[in-house]
Amino acid sequence: MENCIFCKIAQKEIPSTGVYEDEHLYAFRDLNPQAPEHILIIPKKHIARVENLQEEDTELMGRIVIAAQKIAEKLGLKKGYRLVFNNGPDGGQEVEHIHLHLMGGRKFSWPAG
């Protein structure tokens, strides 16, 4: 997508602090971290929201979760971490490009807020 900031980050048009990359995904540190470790994992394919997912995206979404597992291990988040997909404005989604938040390094409370 032409004006999508996350597409530009994935294409290295906008600098970021990358922590993981493969042919399908890019993961980088959040500029406004909500935990000591706060990583955003995005598909390189532009998908705006969860409701825009197609059956063909099933494997891609699984890859996102497996990437989160690998990143959490690399970061030493042995006590646990939180994975969050925000969807739409009421769900807290600020960028219209599906992304998984991986947060850790502190204890989280519930409900999430």
PDB file of N, CA and C in Angstrom:
ATOM      1  N   MET A   1       0.852  -1.184   0.000  1.00  0.00           N
ATOM      2  CA  MET A   1       0.000   0.000   0.000  1.00  0.00           C
ATOM      3  C   MET A   1       0.892   1.239   0.000  1.00  0.00           C
ATOM      4  N   GLU A   2       0.573   2.177  -0.809  1.00  0.00           N
ATOM      5  CA  GLU A   2       1.435   3.316  -1.093  1.00  0.00           C
ATOM      6  C   GLU A   2       1.785   4.187   0.116  1.00  0.00           C
ATOM      7  N   ASN A   3       0.826   4.538   0.950  1.00  0.00           N
ATOM      8  CA  ASN A   3       1.090   5.452   2.059  1.00  0.00           C
ATOM      9  C   ASN A   3       1.144   4.770   3.421  1.00  0.00           C
ATOM     10  N   CYS A   4       1.268   3.471   3.447  1.00  0.00           N
ATOM     11  CA  CYS A   4       1.293   2.735   4.709  1.00  0.00           C
ATOM     12  C   CYS A   4       2.682   2.819   5.346  1.00  0.00           C
ATOM     13  N   ILE A   5       2.735   3.356   6.543  1.00  0.00           N
ATOM     14  CA  ILE A   5       4.024   3.517   7.231  1.00  0.00           C
ATOM     15  C   ILE A   5       4.687   2.164   7.496  1.00  0.00           C
ATOM     16  N   PHE A   6       3.894   1.135   7.834  1.00  0.00           N
ATOM     17  CA  PHE A   6       4.492  -0.179   8.105  1.00  0.00           C
ATOM     18  C   PHE A   6       5.010  -0.824   6.818  1.00  0.00           C
ATOM     19  N   CYS A   7       4.339  -0.604   5.696  1.00  0.00           N
ATOM     20  CA  CYS A   7       4.865  -1.109   4.424  1.00  0.00           C
ATOM     21  C   CYS A   7       6.205  -0.443   4.125  1.00  0.00           C
ATOM     22  N   LYS A   8       6.297   0.853   4.398  1.00  0.00           N
ATOM     23  CA  LYS A   8       7.543   1.582   4.157  1.00  0.00           C
ATOM     24  C   LYS A   8       8.650   1.105   5.096  1.00  0.00           C
ATOM     25  N   ILE A   9       8.294   0.778   6.330  1.00  0.00           N
ATOM     26  CA  ILE A   9       9.283   0.241   7.279  1.00  0.00           C
ATOM     27  C   ILE A   9       9.761  -1.127   6.794  1.00  0.00           C
ATOM     28  N   ALA A  10       8.841  -1.983   6.384  1.00  0.00           N
ATOM     29  CA  ALA A  10       9.206  -3.325   5.905  1.00  0.00           C
ATOM     30  C   ALA A  10      10.084  -3.258   4.658  1.00  0.00           C
ATOM     31  N   GLN A  11       9.881  -2.233   3.838  1.00  0.00           N
ATOM     32  CA  GLN A  11      10.672  -2.068   2.618  1.00  0.00           C
ATOM     33  C   GLN A  11      11.943  -1.255   2.860  1.00  0.00           C
ATOM     34  N   LYS A  12      12.208  -0.919   4.124  1.00  0.00           N
ATOM     35  CA  LYS A  12      13.411  -0.174   4.540  1.00  0.00           C
ATOM     36  C   LYS A  12      13.453   1.259   3.984  1.00  0.00           C
ATOM     37  N   GLU A  13      12.291   1.811   3.649  1.00  0.00           N
ATOM     38  CA  GLU A  13      12.213   3.204   3.221  1.00  0.00           C
ATOM     39  C   GLU A  13      12.212   4.140   4.431  1.00  0.00           C
ATOM     40  N   ILE A  14      11.772   3.603   5.566  1.00  0.00           N
ATOM     41  CA  ILE A  14      11.777   4.330   6.843  1.00  0.00           C
ATOM     42  C   ILE A  14      12.631   3.511   7.805  1.00  0.00           C
ATOM     43  N   PRO A  15      13.602   4.136   8.481  1.00  0.00           N
ATOM     44  CA  PRO A  15      14.464   3.377   9.387  1.00  0.00           C
ATOM     45  C   PRO A  15      13.713   2.842  10.605  1.00  0.00           C
ATOM     46  N   SER A  16      14.190   1.722  11.089  1.00  0.00           N
ATOM     47  CA  SER A  16      13.648   1.102  12.297  1.00  0.00           C
ATOM     48  C   SER A  16      14.750   0.259  12.919  1.00  0.00           C
ATOM     49  N   THR A  17      14.499  -0.173  14.137  1.00  0.00           N
ATOM     50  CA  THR A  17      15.434  -1.069  14.803  1.00  0.00           C
ATOM     51  C   THR A  17      14.898  -2.487  14.661  1.00  0.00           C
ATOM     52  N   GLY A  18      15.334  -3.160  13.625  1.00  0.00           N
ATOM     53  CA  GLY A  18      14.857  -4.500  13.342  1.00  0.00           C
ATOM     54  C   GLY A  18      15.423  -5.527  14.301  1.00  0.00           C
ATOM     55  N   VAL A  19      14.602  -6.519  14.626  1.00  0.00           N
ATOM     56  CA  VAL A  19      15.043  -7.618  15.491  1.00  0.00           C
ATOM     57  C   VAL A  19      14.852  -8.986  14.825  1.00  0.00           C
ATOM     58  N   TYR A  20      14.091  -9.023  13.727  1.00  0.00           N
ATOM     59  CA  TYR A  20      13.828 -10.290  13.033  1.00  0.00           C
ATOM     60  C   TYR A  20      13.336  -9.967  11.629  1.00  0.00           C
ATOM     61  N   GLU A  21      13.747 -10.812  10.686  1.00  0.00           N
ATOM     62  CA  GLU A  21      13.231 -10.673   9.328  1.00  0.00           C
ATOM     63  C   GLU A  21      13.358 -11.998   8.608  1.00  0.00           C
ATOM     64  N   ASP A  22      12.346 -12.301   7.819  1.00  0.00           N
ATOM     65  CA  ASP A  22      12.416 -13.411   6.878  1.00  0.00           C
ATOM     66  C   ASP A  22      11.697 -12.962   5.613  1.00  0.00           C
ATOM     67  N   GLU A  23      11.453 -13.855   4.698  1.00  0.00           N
ATOM     68  CA  GLU A  23      10.864 -13.430   3.428  1.00  0.00           C
ATOM     69  C   GLU A  23       9.424 -12.948   3.561  1.00  0.00           C
ATOM     70  N   HIS A  24       8.737 -13.318   4.660  1.00  0.00           N
ATOM     71  CA  HIS A  24       7.330 -12.971   4.844  1.00  0.00           C
ATOM     72  C   HIS A  24       7.084 -11.878   5.881  1.00  0.00           C
ATOM     73  N   LEU A  25       8.009 -11.731   6.831  1.00  0.00           N
ATOM     74  CA  LEU A  25       7.761 -10.893   8.009  1.00  0.00           C
ATOM     75  C   LEU A  25       8.920  -9.948   8.289  1.00  0.00           C
ATOM     76  N   TYR A  26       8.599  -8.902   9.027  1.00  0.00           N
ATOM     77  CA  TYR A  26       9.624  -8.003   9.562  1.00  0.00           C
ATOM     78  C   TYR A  26       9.186  -7.643  10.977  1.00  0.00           C
ATOM     79  N   ALA A  27      10.121  -7.652  11.915  1.00  0.00           N
ATOM     80  CA  ALA A  27       9.833  -7.304  13.306  1.00  0.00           C
ATOM     81  C   ALA A  27      10.809  -6.229  13.755  1.00  0.00           C
ATOM     82  N   PHE A  28      10.283  -5.250  14.492  1.00  0.00           N
ATOM     83  CA  PHE A  28      11.091  -4.115  14.913  1.00  0.00           C
ATOM     84  C   PHE A  28      10.598  -3.576  16.250  1.00  0.00           C
ATOM     85  N   ARG A  29      11.461  -2.812  16.898  1.00  0.00           N
ATOM     86  CA  ARG A  29      11.132  -2.225  18.195  1.00  0.00           C
ATOM     87  C   ARG A  29      10.113  -1.098  18.032  1.00  0.00           C
ATOM     88  N   ASP A  30       9.107  -1.103  18.906  1.00  0.00           N
ATOM     89  CA  ASP A  30       8.083  -0.062  18.904  1.00  0.00           C
ATOM     90  C   ASP A  30       8.710   1.255  19.353  1.00  0.00           C
ATOM     91  N   LEU A  31       8.364   2.336  18.680  1.00  0.00           N
ATOM     92  CA  LEU A  31       8.899   3.656  19.049  1.00  0.00           C
ATOM     93  C   LEU A  31       8.284   4.208  20.327  1.00  0.00           C
ATOM     94  N   ASN A  32       7.138   3.672  20.737  1.00  0.00           N
ATOM     95  CA  ASN A  32       6.461   4.093  21.965  1.00  0.00           C
ATOM     96  C   ASN A  32       6.218   2.858  22.834  1.00  0.00           C
ATOM     97  N   PRO A  33       7.299   2.277  23.374  1.00  0.00           N
ATOM     98  CA  PRO A  33       7.163   0.989  24.071  1.00  0.00           C
ATOM     99  C   PRO A  33       6.301   1.070  25.325  1.00  0.00           C
ATOM    100  N   GLN A  34       5.491   0.031  25.499  1.00  0.00           N
ATOM    101  CA  GLN A  34       4.628  -0.097  26.670  1.00  0.00           C
ATOM    102  C   GLN A  34       5.163  -1.129  27.661  1.00  0.00           C
ATOM    103  N   ALA A  35       6.348  -1.625  27.389  1.00  0.00           N
ATOM    104  CA  ALA A  35       7.023  -2.603  28.248  1.00  0.00           C
ATOM    105  C   ALA A  35       8.513  -2.516  27.931  1.00  0.00           C
ATOM    106  N   PRO A  36       9.363  -3.043  28.812  1.00  0.00           N
ATOM    107  CA  PRO A  36      10.800  -3.010  28.529  1.00  0.00           C
ATOM    108  C   PRO A  36      11.164  -3.611  27.168  1.00  0.00           C
ATOM    109  N   GLU A  37      10.453  -4.651  26.765  1.00  0.00           N
ATOM    110  CA  GLU A  37      10.604  -5.216  25.424  1.00  0.00           C
ATOM    111  C   GLU A  37       9.256  -5.070  24.730  1.00  0.00           C
ATOM    112  N   HIS A  38       9.224  -4.321  23.639  1.00  0.00           N
ATOM    113  CA  HIS A  38       7.979  -4.121  22.892  1.00  0.00           C
ATOM    114  C   HIS A  38       8.330  -4.155  21.405  1.00  0.00           C
ATOM    115  N   ILE A  39       7.963  -5.252  20.774  1.00  0.00           N
ATOM    116  CA  ILE A  39       8.297  -5.521  19.380  1.00  0.00           C
ATOM    117  C   ILE A  39       7.009  -5.581  18.564  1.00  0.00           C
ATOM    118  N   LEU A  40       7.044  -5.022  17.374  1.00  0.00           N
ATOM    119  CA  LEU A  40       5.929  -5.141  16.430  1.00  0.00           C
ATOM    120  C   LEU A  40       6.336  -6.117  15.334  1.00  0.00           C
ATOM    121  N   ILE A  41       5.486  -7.086  15.072  1.00  0.00           N
ATOM    122  CA  ILE A  41       5.747  -8.080  14.034  1.00  0.00           C
ATOM    123  C   ILE A  41       4.707  -7.872  12.942  1.00  0.00           C
ATOM    124  N   ILE A  42       5.200  -7.575  11.734  1.00  0.00           N
ATOM    125  CA  ILE A  42       4.295  -7.249  10.634  1.00  0.00           C
ATOM    126  C   ILE A  42       4.538  -8.177   9.445  1.00  0.00           C
ATOM    127  N   PRO A  43       3.469  -8.488   8.718  1.00  0.00           N
ATOM    128  CA  PRO A  43       3.685  -9.187   7.448  1.00  0.00           C
ATOM    129  C   PRO A  43       4.177  -8.177   6.413  1.00  0.00           C
ATOM    130  N   LYS A  44       5.004  -8.615   5.498  1.00  0.00           N
ATOM    131  CA  LYS A  44       5.446  -7.738   4.414  1.00  0.00           C
ATOM    132  C   LYS A  44       4.301  -7.484   3.434  1.00  0.00           C
ATOM    133  N   LYS A  45       3.360  -8.408   3.397  1.00  0.00           N
ATOM    134  CA  LYS A  45       2.146  -8.235   2.591  1.00  0.00           C
ATOM    135  C   LYS A  45       1.222  -7.281   3.340  1.00  0.00           C
ATOM    136  N   HIS A  46       0.687  -6.289   2.653  1.00  0.00           N
ATOM    137  CA  HIS A  46      -0.223  -5.352   3.308  1.00  0.00           C
ATOM    138  C   HIS A  46      -1.587  -6.001   3.525  1.00  0.00           C
ATOM    139  N   ILE A  47      -1.971  -6.077   4.791  1.00  0.00           N
ATOM    140  CA  ILE A  47      -3.311  -6.497   5.192  1.00  0.00           C
ATOM    141  C   ILE A  47      -3.728  -5.474   6.241  1.00  0.00           C
ATOM    142  N   ALA A  48      -4.797  -4.753   6.005  1.00  0.00           N
ATOM    143  CA  ALA A  48      -5.163  -3.653   6.889  1.00  0.00           C
ATOM    144  C   ALA A  48      -5.621  -4.118   8.269  1.00  0.00           C
ATOM    145  N   ARG A  49      -6.552  -5.057   8.324  1.00  0.00           N
ATOM    146  CA  ARG A  49      -7.159  -5.487   9.585  1.00  0.00           C
ATOM    147  C   ARG A  49      -7.457  -6.984   9.563  1.00  0.00           C
ATOM    148  N   VAL A  50      -7.810  -7.492  10.723  1.00  0.00           N
ATOM    149  CA  VAL A  50      -8.159  -8.912  10.837  1.00  0.00           C
ATOM    150  C   VAL A  50      -9.285  -9.267   9.874  1.00  0.00           C
ATOM    151  N   GLU A  51     -10.290  -8.405   9.735  1.00  0.00           N
ATOM    152  CA  GLU A  51     -11.411  -8.732   8.857  1.00  0.00           C
ATOM    153  C   GLU A  51     -11.025  -8.759   7.376  1.00  0.00           C
ATOM    154  N   ASN A  52      -9.839  -8.305   7.047  1.00  0.00           N
ATOM    155  CA  ASN A  52      -9.353  -8.364   5.667  1.00  0.00           C
ATOM    156  C   ASN A  52      -8.561  -9.638   5.376  1.00  0.00           C
ATOM    157  N   LEU A  53      -8.357 -10.475   6.386  1.00  0.00           N
ATOM    158  CA  LEU A  53      -7.645 -11.730   6.179  1.00  0.00           C
ATOM    159  C   LEU A  53      -8.455 -12.658   5.280  1.00  0.00           C
ATOM    160  N   GLN A  54      -7.731 -13.419   4.461  1.00  0.00           N
ATOM    161  CA  GLN A  54      -8.339 -14.412   3.580  1.00  0.00           C
ATOM    162  C   GLN A  54      -7.833 -15.793   4.006  1.00  0.00           C
ATOM    163  N   GLU A  55      -8.494 -16.821   3.549  1.00  0.00           N
ATOM    164  CA  GLU A  55      -8.071 -18.196   3.831  1.00  0.00           C
ATOM    165  C   GLU A  55      -6.603 -18.382   3.475  1.00  0.00           C
ATOM    166  N   GLU A  56      -6.160 -17.771   2.395  1.00  0.00           N
ATOM    167  CA  GLU A  56      -4.765 -17.898   1.944  1.00  0.00           C
ATOM    168  C   GLU A  56      -3.764 -17.293   2.923  1.00  0.00           C
ATOM    169  N   ASP A  57      -4.234 -16.503   3.894  1.00  0.00           N
ATOM    170  CA  ASP A  57      -3.354 -15.868   4.877  1.00  0.00           C
ATOM    171  C   ASP A  57      -3.161 -16.709   6.137  1.00  0.00           C
ATOM    172  N   THR A  58      -3.774 -17.872   6.184  1.00  0.00           N
ATOM    173  CA  THR A  58      -3.691 -18.728   7.370  1.00  0.00           C
ATOM    174  C   THR A  58      -2.243 -19.045   7.737  1.00  0.00           C
ATOM    175  N   GLU A  59      -1.454 -19.478   6.781  1.00  0.00           N
ATOM    176  CA  GLU A  59      -0.055 -19.815   7.051  1.00  0.00           C
ATOM    177  C   GLU A  59       0.732 -18.578   7.495  1.00  0.00           C
ATOM    178  N   LEU A  60       0.483 -17.451   6.859  1.00  0.00           N
ATOM    179  CA  LEU A  60       1.170 -16.207   7.208  1.00  0.00           C
ATOM    180  C   LEU A  60       0.909 -15.828   8.666  1.00  0.00           C
ATOM    181  N   MET A  61      -0.320 -15.951   9.117  1.00  0.00           N
ATOM    182  CA  MET A  61      -0.645 -15.594  10.505  1.00  0.00           C
ATOM    183  C   MET A  61       0.020 -16.567  11.479  1.00  0.00           C
ATOM    184  N   GLY A  62       0.122 -17.826  11.103  1.00  0.00           N
ATOM    185  CA  GLY A  62       0.860 -18.778  11.924  1.00  0.00           C
ATOM    186  C   GLY A  62       2.335 -18.416  12.003  1.00  0.00           C
ATOM    187  N   ARG A  63       2.881 -17.968  10.889  1.00  0.00           N
ATOM    188  CA  ARG A  63       4.287 -17.548  10.857  1.00  0.00           C
ATOM    189  C   ARG A  63       4.530 -16.385  11.813  1.00  0.00           C
ATOM    190  N   ILE A  64       3.556 -15.484  11.932  1.00  0.00           N
ATOM    191  CA  ILE A  64       3.697 -14.342  12.843  1.00  0.00           C
ATOM    192  C   ILE A  64       3.843 -14.829  14.283  1.00  0.00           C
ATOM    193  N   VAL A  65       3.014 -15.782  14.672  1.00  0.00           N
ATOM    194  CA  VAL A  65       3.069 -16.293  16.051  1.00  0.00           C
ATOM    195  C   VAL A  65       4.372 -17.063  16.292  1.00  0.00           C
ATOM    196  N   ILE A  66       4.802 -17.859  15.334  1.00  0.00           N
ATOM    197  CA  ILE A  66       6.066 -18.586  15.483  1.00  0.00           C
ATOM    198  C   ILE A  66       7.238 -17.606  15.554  1.00  0.00           C
ATOM    199  N   ALA A  67       7.185 -16.530  14.771  1.00  0.00           N
ATOM    200  CA  ALA A  67       8.235 -15.504  14.849  1.00  0.00           C
ATOM    201  C   ALA A  67       8.249 -14.878  16.240  1.00  0.00           C
ATOM    202  N   ALA A  68       7.073 -14.639  16.819  1.00  0.00           N
ATOM    203  CA  ALA A  68       7.001 -14.083  18.178  1.00  0.00           C
ATOM    204  C   ALA A  68       7.686 -15.019  19.167  1.00  0.00           C
ATOM    205  N   GLN A  69       7.460 -16.305  19.027  1.00  0.00           N
ATOM    206  CA  GLN A  69       8.095 -17.297  19.892  1.00  0.00           C
ATOM    207  C   GLN A  69       9.618 -17.213  19.771  1.00  0.00           C
ATOM    208  N   LYS A  70      10.131 -17.144  18.558  1.00  0.00           N
ATOM    209  CA  LYS A  70      11.580 -17.069  18.331  1.00  0.00           C
ATOM    210  C   LYS A  70      12.169 -15.782  18.901  1.00  0.00           C
ATOM    211  N   ILE A  71      11.478 -14.673  18.690  1.00  0.00           N
ATOM    212  CA  ILE A  71      11.960 -13.382  19.184  1.00  0.00           C
ATOM    213  C   ILE A  71      11.963 -13.366  20.705  1.00  0.00           C
ATOM    214  N   ALA A  72      10.898 -13.869  21.322  1.00  0.00           N
ATOM    215  CA  ALA A  72      10.817 -13.912  22.786  1.00  0.00           C
ATOM    216  C   ALA A  72      11.959 -14.736  23.366  1.00  0.00           C
ATOM    217  N   GLU A  73      12.275 -15.839  22.721  1.00  0.00           N
ATOM    218  CA  GLU A  73      13.394 -16.670  23.176  1.00  0.00           C
ATOM    219  C   GLU A  73      14.710 -15.899  23.052  1.00  0.00           C
ATOM    220  N   LYS A  74      14.900 -15.240  21.924  1.00  0.00           N
ATOM    221  CA  LYS A  74      16.105 -14.449  21.682  1.00  0.00           C
ATOM    222  C   LYS A  74      16.262 -13.330  22.715  1.00  0.00           C
ATOM    223  N   LEU A  75      15.132 -12.744  23.125  1.00  0.00           N
ATOM    224  CA  LEU A  75      15.160 -11.643  24.100  1.00  0.00           C
ATOM    225  C   LEU A  75      15.220 -12.136  25.552  1.00  0.00           C
ATOM    226  N   GLY A  76      15.138 -13.443  25.741  1.00  0.00           N
ATOM    227  CA  GLY A  76      15.230 -14.007  27.088  1.00  0.00           C
ATOM    228  C   GLY A  76      13.986 -13.795  27.932  1.00  0.00           C
ATOM    229  N   LEU A  77      12.829 -13.780  27.313  1.00  0.00           N
ATOM    230  CA  LEU A  77      11.578 -13.540  28.042  1.00  0.00           C
ATOM    231  C   LEU A  77      11.038 -14.844  28.626  1.00  0.00           C
ATOM    232  N   LYS A  78      11.835 -15.446  29.510  1.00  0.00           N
ATOM    233  CA  LYS A  78      11.523 -16.767  30.060  1.00  0.00           C
ATOM    234  C   LYS A  78      10.359 -16.755  31.043  1.00  0.00           C
ATOM    235  N   LYS A  79      10.086 -15.616  31.691  1.00  0.00           N
ATOM    236  CA  LYS A  79       8.988 -15.539  32.659  1.00  0.00           C
ATOM    237  C   LYS A  79       7.640 -15.304  31.991  1.00  0.00           C
ATOM    238  N   GLY A  80       7.651 -15.033  30.690  1.00  0.00           N
ATOM    239  CA  GLY A  80       6.401 -14.829  29.962  1.00  0.00           C
ATOM    240  C   GLY A  80       6.398 -13.524  29.191  1.00  0.00           C
ATOM    241  N   TYR A  81       5.368 -13.391  28.375  1.00  0.00           N
ATOM    242  CA  TYR A  81       5.210 -12.208  27.536  1.00  0.00           C
ATOM    243  C   TYR A  81       3.764 -12.146  27.083  1.00  0.00           C
ATOM    244  N   ARG A  82       3.393 -11.020  26.526  1.00  0.00           N
ATOM    245  CA  ARG A  82       2.027 -10.821  26.034  1.00  0.00           C
ATOM    246  C   ARG A  82       2.069 -10.618  24.529  1.00  0.00           C
ATOM    247  N   LEU A  83       1.119 -11.260  23.838  1.00  0.00           N
ATOM    248  CA  LEU A  83       0.931 -11.080  22.404  1.00  0.00           C
ATOM    249  C   LEU A  83      -0.435 -10.431  22.194  1.00  0.00           C
ATOM    250  N   VAL A  84      -0.467  -9.332  21.415  1.00  0.00           N
ATOM    251  CA  VAL A  84      -1.706  -8.584  21.228  1.00  0.00           C
ATOM    252  C   VAL A  84      -1.873  -8.170  19.770  1.00  0.00           C
ATOM    253  N   PHE A  85      -3.057  -8.455  19.218  1.00  0.00           N
ATOM    254  CA  PHE A  85      -3.485  -7.877  17.953  1.00  0.00           C
ATOM    255  C   PHE A  85      -4.562  -6.849  18.294  1.00  0.00           C
ATOM    256  N   ASN A  86      -4.336  -5.585  17.995  1.00  0.00           N
ATOM    257  CA  ASN A  86      -5.376  -4.573  18.104  1.00  0.00           C
ATOM    258  C   ASN A  86      -6.053  -4.508  16.742  1.00  0.00           C
ATOM    259  N   ASN A  87      -7.373  -4.375  16.731  1.00  0.00           N
ATOM    260  CA  ASN A  87      -8.095  -4.376  15.454  1.00  0.00           C
ATOM    261  C   ASN A  87      -9.126  -3.256  15.431  1.00  0.00           C
ATOM    262  N   GLY A  88      -8.934  -2.315  14.517  1.00  0.00           N
ATOM    263  CA  GLY A  88      -9.866  -1.196  14.367  1.00  0.00           C
ATOM    264  C   GLY A  88      -9.679  -0.143  15.438  1.00  0.00           C
ATOM    265  N   PRO A  89     -10.294   1.016  15.251  1.00  0.00           N
ATOM    266  CA  PRO A  89     -10.093   2.125  16.183  1.00  0.00           C
ATOM    267  C   PRO A  89     -10.549   1.818  17.614  1.00  0.00           C
ATOM    268  N   ASP A  90     -11.658   1.129  17.795  1.00  0.00           N
ATOM    269  CA  ASP A  90     -12.102   0.801  19.146  1.00  0.00           C
ATOM    270  C   ASP A  90     -11.220  -0.252  19.800  1.00  0.00           C
ATOM    271  N   GLY A  91     -10.493  -1.017  18.995  1.00  0.00           N
ATOM    272  CA  GLY A  91      -9.568  -2.020  19.509  1.00  0.00           C
ATOM    273  C   GLY A  91      -8.178  -1.464  19.752  1.00  0.00           C
ATOM    274  N   GLY A  92      -7.972  -0.174  19.449  1.00  0.00           N
ATOM    275  CA  GLY A  92      -6.683   0.458  19.703  1.00  0.00           C
ATOM    276  C   GLY A  92      -5.710   0.396  18.536  1.00  0.00           C
ATOM    277  N   GLN A  93      -6.168  -0.039  17.352  1.00  0.00           N
ATOM    278  CA  GLN A  93      -5.277  -0.108  16.192  1.00  0.00           C
ATOM    279  C   GLN A  93      -5.019   1.306  15.674  1.00  0.00           C
ATOM    280  N   GLU A  94      -3.748   1.689  15.640  1.00  0.00           N
ATOM    281  CA  GLU A  94      -3.378   3.028  15.194  1.00  0.00           C
ATOM    282  C   GLU A  94      -2.861   3.045  13.757  1.00  0.00           C
ATOM    283  N   VAL A  95      -2.314   1.933  13.284  1.00  0.00           N
ATOM    284  CA  VAL A  95      -1.807   1.837  11.916  1.00  0.00           C
ATOM    285  C   VAL A  95      -2.610   0.756  11.199  1.00  0.00           C
ATOM    286  N   GLU A  96      -3.161   1.104  10.058  1.00  0.00           N
ATOM    287  CA  GLU A  96      -3.991   0.181   9.288  1.00  0.00           C
ATOM    288  C   GLU A  96      -3.125  -0.808   8.504  1.00  0.00           C
ATOM    289  N   HIS A  97      -2.393  -1.615   9.243  1.00  0.00           N
ATOM    290  CA  HIS A  97      -1.589  -2.714   8.707  1.00  0.00           C
ATOM    291  C   HIS A  97      -1.510  -3.712   9.859  1.00  0.00           C
ATOM    292  N   ILE A  98      -2.066  -4.882   9.661  1.00  0.00           N
ATOM    293  CA  ILE A  98      -2.132  -5.867  10.740  1.00  0.00           C
ATOM    294  C   ILE A  98      -0.745  -6.074  11.350  1.00  0.00           C
ATOM    295  N   HIS A  99      -0.692  -6.119  12.674  1.00  0.00           N
ATOM    296  CA  HIS A  99       0.588  -6.309  13.356  1.00  0.00           C
ATOM    297  C   HIS A  99       0.356  -6.921  14.727  1.00  0.00           C
ATOM    298  N   LEU A 100       1.333  -7.700  15.145  1.00  0.00           N
ATOM    299  CA  LEU A 100       1.293  -8.346  16.448  1.00  0.00           C
ATOM    300  C   LEU A 100       2.263  -7.632  17.370  1.00  0.00           C
ATOM    301  N   HIS A 101       1.763  -7.227  18.539  1.00  0.00           N
ATOM    302  CA  HIS A 101       2.614  -6.652  19.576  1.00  0.00           C
ATOM    303  C   HIS A 101       3.148  -7.795  20.432  1.00  0.00           C
ATOM    304  N   LEU A 102       4.447  -7.850  20.597  1.00  0.00           N
ATOM    305  CA  LEU A 102       5.103  -8.767  21.521  1.00  0.00           C
ATOM    306  C   LEU A 102       5.676  -7.895  22.638  1.00  0.00           C
ATOM    307  N   MET A 103       5.159  -8.063  23.842  1.00  0.00           N
ATOM    308  CA  MET A 103       5.596  -7.245  24.977  1.00  0.00           C
ATOM    309  C   MET A 103       6.034  -8.144  26.128  1.00  0.00           C
ATOM    310  N   GLY A 104       7.132  -7.763  26.757  1.00  0.00           N
ATOM    311  CA  GLY A 104       7.620  -8.533  27.883  1.00  0.00           C
ATOM    312  C   GLY A 104       8.629  -7.744  28.692  1.00  0.00           C
ATOM    313  N   GLY A 105       9.177  -8.419  29.689  1.00  0.00           N
ATOM    314  CA  GLY A 105      10.171  -7.775  30.545  1.00  0.00           C
ATOM    315  C   GLY A 105       9.564  -7.154  31.784  1.00  0.00           C
ATOM    316  N   ARG A 106       8.263  -7.320  31.975  1.00  0.00           N
ATOM    317  CA  ARG A 106       7.582  -6.877  33.193  1.00  0.00           C
ATOM    318  C   ARG A 106       6.333  -7.724  33.374  1.00  0.00           C
ATOM    319  N   LYS A 107       5.761  -7.675  34.576  1.00  0.00           N
ATOM    320  CA  LYS A 107       4.538  -8.398  34.850  1.00  0.00           C
ATOM    321  C   LYS A 107       3.352  -7.578  34.347  1.00  0.00           C
ATOM    322  N   PHE A 108       2.404  -8.242  33.692  1.00  0.00           N
ATOM    323  CA  PHE A 108       1.217  -7.583  33.173  1.00  0.00           C
ATOM    324  C   PHE A 108       0.022  -7.908  34.065  1.00  0.00           C
ATOM    325  N   SER A 109      -0.934  -7.005  34.086  1.00  0.00           N
ATOM    326  CA  SER A 109      -2.158  -7.241  34.861  1.00  0.00           C
ATOM    327  C   SER A 109      -3.296  -7.607  33.907  1.00  0.00           C
ATOM    328  N   TRP A 110      -4.402  -8.040  34.496  1.00  0.00           N
ATOM    329  CA  TRP A 110      -5.590  -8.383  33.727  1.00  0.00           C
ATOM    330  C   TRP A 110      -6.785  -7.881  34.474  1.00  0.00           C
ATOM    331  N   PRO A 111      -7.790  -7.308  33.828  1.00  0.00           N
ATOM    332  CA  PRO A 111      -7.944  -7.198  32.392  1.00  0.00           C
ATOM    333  C   PRO A 111      -6.961  -6.206  31.779  1.00  0.00           C
ATOM    334  N   ALA A 112      -6.763  -6.360  30.482  1.00  0.00           N
ATOM    335  CA  ALA A 112      -5.745  -5.587  29.787  1.00  0.00           C
ATOM    336  C   ALA A 112      -6.027  -4.090  29.781  1.00  0.00           C
ATOM    337  N   GLY A 113      -7.254  -3.676  29.808  1.00  0.00           N
ATOM    338  CA  GLY A 113      -7.538  -2.239  29.855  1.00  0.00           C
ATOM    339  C   GLY A 113      -8.210  -1.811  28.666  1.00  0.00           C
TER     340      GLY A 113
END
